[in-house]
Structures are given as C-alpha cells and as structure tokens.
Protein backbone atom coordinates (compact mmCIF):
# COMPACT_ATOMS: atom_id res chain seq x y z
CA MET A 1 0.00 0.00 0.00
CA LYS A 2 1.17 3.49 -0.79
CA LYS A 3 1.77 5.72 2.24
CA PHE A 4 -0.28 8.90 2.43
CA HIS A 5 0.29 12.07 4.38
CA HIS A 6 -2.26 12.42 7.18
CA LEU A 7 -3.88 15.39 5.43
CA ASP A 8 -4.24 13.39 2.18
CA THR A 9 -6.19 10.48 3.66
CA ILE A 10 -9.18 12.58 4.74
CA ILE A 11 -10.85 14.37 1.84
CA SER A 12 -13.87 16.01 3.49
CA PRO A 13 -16.54 15.50 6.13
CA VAL A 14 -19.90 14.17 4.96
CA VAL A 15 -22.67 16.48 6.17
CA THR A 16 -26.06 14.94 5.51
CA GLU A 17 -29.15 14.47 7.61
CA LYS A 18 -28.21 10.86 8.33
CA SER A 19 -24.61 11.66 9.25
CA THR A 20 -25.60 14.50 11.58
CA SER A 21 -28.03 12.18 13.37
CA LEU A 22 -25.06 9.86 14.07
CA SER A 23 -23.39 12.64 16.06
CA GLU A 24 -25.69 11.75 18.98
CA PHE A 25 -23.72 8.50 19.28
CA ASN A 26 -20.27 10.21 19.03
CA LYS A 27 -19.90 9.17 15.38
CA ILE A 28 -18.64 11.37 12.55
CA VAL A 29 -18.58 10.53 8.84
CA PHE A 30 -15.65 11.45 6.56
CA LYS A 31 -14.99 10.97 2.86
CA VAL A 32 -11.54 9.34 2.65
CA HIS A 33 -9.00 8.36 0.00
CA GLY A 34 -9.85 5.06 -1.71
CA GLY A 35 -6.50 3.43 -0.92
CA SER A 36 -6.39 4.24 2.77
CA ASN A 37 -6.95 1.64 5.48
CA LYS A 38 -8.42 1.86 8.97
CA ALA A 39 -5.05 2.30 10.69
CA SER A 40 -4.03 5.26 8.51
CA ILE A 41 -7.47 6.87 8.90
CA LYS A 42 -7.26 6.51 12.69
CA LYS A 43 -3.76 8.03 12.82
CA SER A 44 -4.70 10.98 10.65
CA ILE A 45 -7.92 11.82 12.54
CA GLU A 46 -6.15 11.61 15.89
CA LYS A 47 -3.31 13.79 14.61
CA ILE A 48 -5.44 16.45 12.90
CA PHE A 49 -8.29 16.85 15.41
CA LYS A 50 -6.46 15.71 18.60
CA VAL A 51 -9.19 13.25 19.70
CA ASN A 52 -9.19 9.57 20.69
CA VAL A 53 -10.72 7.20 18.12
CA ILE A 54 -12.36 4.02 19.44
CA LYS A 55 -13.61 2.40 16.24
CA ILE A 56 -13.70 2.95 12.48
CA ASN A 57 -16.11 1.45 9.94
CA THR A 58 -15.32 1.91 6.25
CA ILE A 59 -17.73 1.69 3.32
CA LYS A 60 -16.91 1.71 -0.41
CA LEU A 61 -19.70 3.24 -2.46
CA LYS A 62 -19.99 2.32 -6.14
CA GLY A 63 -20.27 4.90 -8.87
CA LYS A 64 -23.53 5.37 -10.73
CA THR A 65 -24.44 6.05 -14.34
CA LYS A 66 -27.12 8.64 -15.05
CA MET A 67 -28.77 10.00 -18.17
CA VAL A 68 -28.42 13.76 -18.59
CA LYS A 69 -29.96 15.23 -21.74
CA ASN A 70 -29.80 11.87 -23.55
CA LYS A 71 -26.11 11.42 -22.70
CA LYS A 72 -24.69 8.94 -20.25
CA SER A 73 -22.68 10.47 -17.46
CA THR A 74 -21.03 8.75 -14.53
CA ILE A 75 -20.91 9.78 -10.91
CA PRO A 76 -17.66 8.41 -9.42
CA GLY A 77 -17.68 6.17 -6.37
CA TYR A 78 -15.84 6.95 -3.16
CA LYS A 79 -14.88 5.52 0.22
CA LYS A 80 -16.27 6.85 3.47
CA ALA A 81 -15.35 6.19 7.08
CA ILE A 82 -17.63 6.30 10.11
CA VAL A 83 -15.45 7.25 13.07
CA THR A 84 -16.52 6.56 16.66
CA LEU A 85 -14.93 8.91 19.19
CA LYS A 86 -14.27 8.44 22.90
CA LYS A 87 -17.17 9.48 25.12
CA GLY A 88 -17.09 13.18 25.93
CA GLN A 89 -15.02 14.17 22.88
CA SER A 90 -16.30 15.80 19.71
CA ILE A 91 -15.16 17.41 16.49
CA ASP A 92 -16.64 20.75 15.48
CA LEU A 93 -16.91 20.57 11.69
CA ALA A 94 -18.09 24.17 11.34
CA THR A 95 -14.77 25.70 12.42
CA GLY A 96 -12.48 23.67 10.12
CA VAL A 97 -8.92 22.53 10.79
C-alpha cells in the first residue's frame, strides 16, 4: 500500500441528515482516500483533530451512471469512514482545521 500524508487520507466530512443524526452517538462521517486503510485513517484523525478514536467502519460506495440530456454520465464512487470517538469528545466541523 502506498503511504499517504495524514492530510491526504481525509478528503472532506460528509454532512447529511443521516450523518448528523449519528453525532448523537459520538460518530462522525468522513470521505476518505480510496486506498487508505483503517489504521491510517485513525492516525490521521487523531493527529489532525487531537481526539481519541475508538472504532472505524469503512464503506466503499460504487459509482452510478445517469442520463443527462440523452447522454450517459457517470458519478464516481468513493470511500467513506464512520469514526466513533471516545465518550465526551467531539469534532466541530463548522470551524475547520
């Protein structure tokens, strides 16, 4: 596996209605690089946000094909990580890094 810098593994936070409802359970969802593994995601989140990570679940989402004005276009797939933080800790996504 290719090594990534800790700022390259995390692409962006996922802010949807479903992901914000997970914040009640100390879980935050991030869009991550496709080649990263759980260990590198854990290291980078702990280094960037200075929190303790308990558990990480990763999901690979497939790309989709859609018809736009009688032309096929593709929406690329991506990998996302659901990060569970230690009780009492949180990440404020509104302020940024």
